[in-house]
Amino acid sequence: MCIRDRASTTPKKSKEEAERENSMRREICFKELLPLASEMAFYSIEGDVAYEVILKHANESELESDKLQQVLVEYEAAHPVPIDENPGINDFRRYSLEKRVKERKRYGYSDSIMVLGMTLKFICDFKTLVNILLISKEWNGIFRMKIYRYLLRLYPDKSRLEIWKKILCSEGFNDLYPKMQAKVLSNFTENNKSLEEIIRADVTRSFHAYPEADQQAIMRILRAYAILNPDIEYCQGMNCIAGIFYILFKDEATSFNMLYTLISNFDLTNLLKVNISLLNIYFYQLNRLMAVYMPRLHSHLFAEGVNAAHFSSPWFITIFTCALQSTNPGQLPLLVLAVFDEFLTKGVKALFAASLFMLEHCEESLLRLSHESALHFMTNLHKSELFFKKEMVEEYRAKIHNYNITEELMARLYLEYKTTFVVASEREDVVREPVKPFKYYISYHTPGKCRFASVYFPNCSYLLAWLIWFSPVSYTHL
């Protein structure tokens, strides 16, 4: 090769080497930033500082945008940010890239819809949120429940009645109520006397402290529903739900409409019929969630022979409206209204979150109680003054976002229940042993370095349980 040819190839070789070096530098930077992002999240480094560190090193190494997104997602996944009622620009900077992907899938690939879905949480003006629903039918269908949830959190007294009616009142359904009353007069014969006695006893027992609750009107609503839905007829718990509707709206037809829509659209049929299998699943899920979020309380109650099945049944069946049976004269349980707001916009997950909140609030008291005292405390909790205090509502709204109860987590718990109990119960040769709470327990002494804890369940099956980073934890083998 001549000197000219050799000189012409030299720049090309240097360029290739430079590109190779840059590629290696970017790869090293990416591999170093991933664990660094996890460590910063673990040690609760502020989002502004963490972003500045990540972006500085990424810019210096000319890191590709897709890998930078992976690093930011890693930090966001390990550093969840609760919804703030008064968000600012810093909250928007922390908005998870991983969540943005979910928002894009949920709201479609229209840029305007995706951007609006991402920024809704930063809009605090009542009129603006309401006007968004009036822009188009498409936007109303996409954002309706999300905006309702924000309005109920930010302006509960101003928006509650109207939003409840929009969610639960079916068009033209109020005209059905007079017809059902006519059927009641003709169909409630001697065969329905026992049902009539049960309804009368439950309504009288539940609303003696509420003079504004017309007991005859509530009984008419329940009788009409019993005729309309013979599969359920009447079940204990419906009296509390119908009663709170009537106390708020003072109208029989509206209350009947809302009761029927609630049971139909929110799949409460099995619960109101006291479906033991479904309740057992809920009890199991609540026990496991308690073990994750309140391990000390879970271990104490387990040692005392107390579990969710002993006290949480009324919470699920009545959506916490069993608190109406309190002796506080004429006062509505404010906490029940807040829980109902969450339930109407999030479904049954809101009941699990509310249950965890009540347990966490009473944790210190329960840790000092033995079996009988703990049972008495929990079974009468819905009659306490806690449900009537405004401070409890504020605490509930502040803490409700700490419980990251996702559809995926509930599905895993359901699968765990089916694998553990249903499959085992079909095998006659299985030797049944007492259920142990955990193979690992949570220690608050030494910071751990793993976001997940392997949780022990009977028959050697495992569940990957997500732990919220509310404090440094380590997992010690029992």
Foldseek 3Di string as FASTA:
>chain_A
DDPVVVVVCVVVVVVVVVVVVLVVLLVVLLVVLQLVLLVCLLVVPQPVVNVVVLVVSCVVSVHDPVSSLVSLLSNCVSRPDFQDLADDPSVLVNPHPVVLVVLCVLQDPDPVSSVCSSCVSNDNDPVVLVVQLVPDVSSVVRCVLVSLLSCCLRPVVVCVVVSLCVLQADPPQLVCLVVLLVVLVVPCDPVCPVVLVVLLVLLCLLAVQAPLQDSVLLSSLLQSVLVVDVVLSAAPLLSLQLRVLCSVPVDSSSSSRRSVRCCVVQVLRCLRSVPVVVVVLVQLLLLLLCCQPPVLLSVLCVVQVDGCVLFCSSCQNNVLSSLSSANNHNADQQQSSLLVSCCSSPNPVSSSLVVSLVCVVCVVVLSPDHNVVNSVCRNCVSRDCLRRDPVNNVVSSVCSRQRPDDPVQSVLSSVVCCVAPVVQVVDPPDDDDDWDWFQKHKDQPDADSDQWDWGATPPRDTDTDGHRSPHGIDIDGD
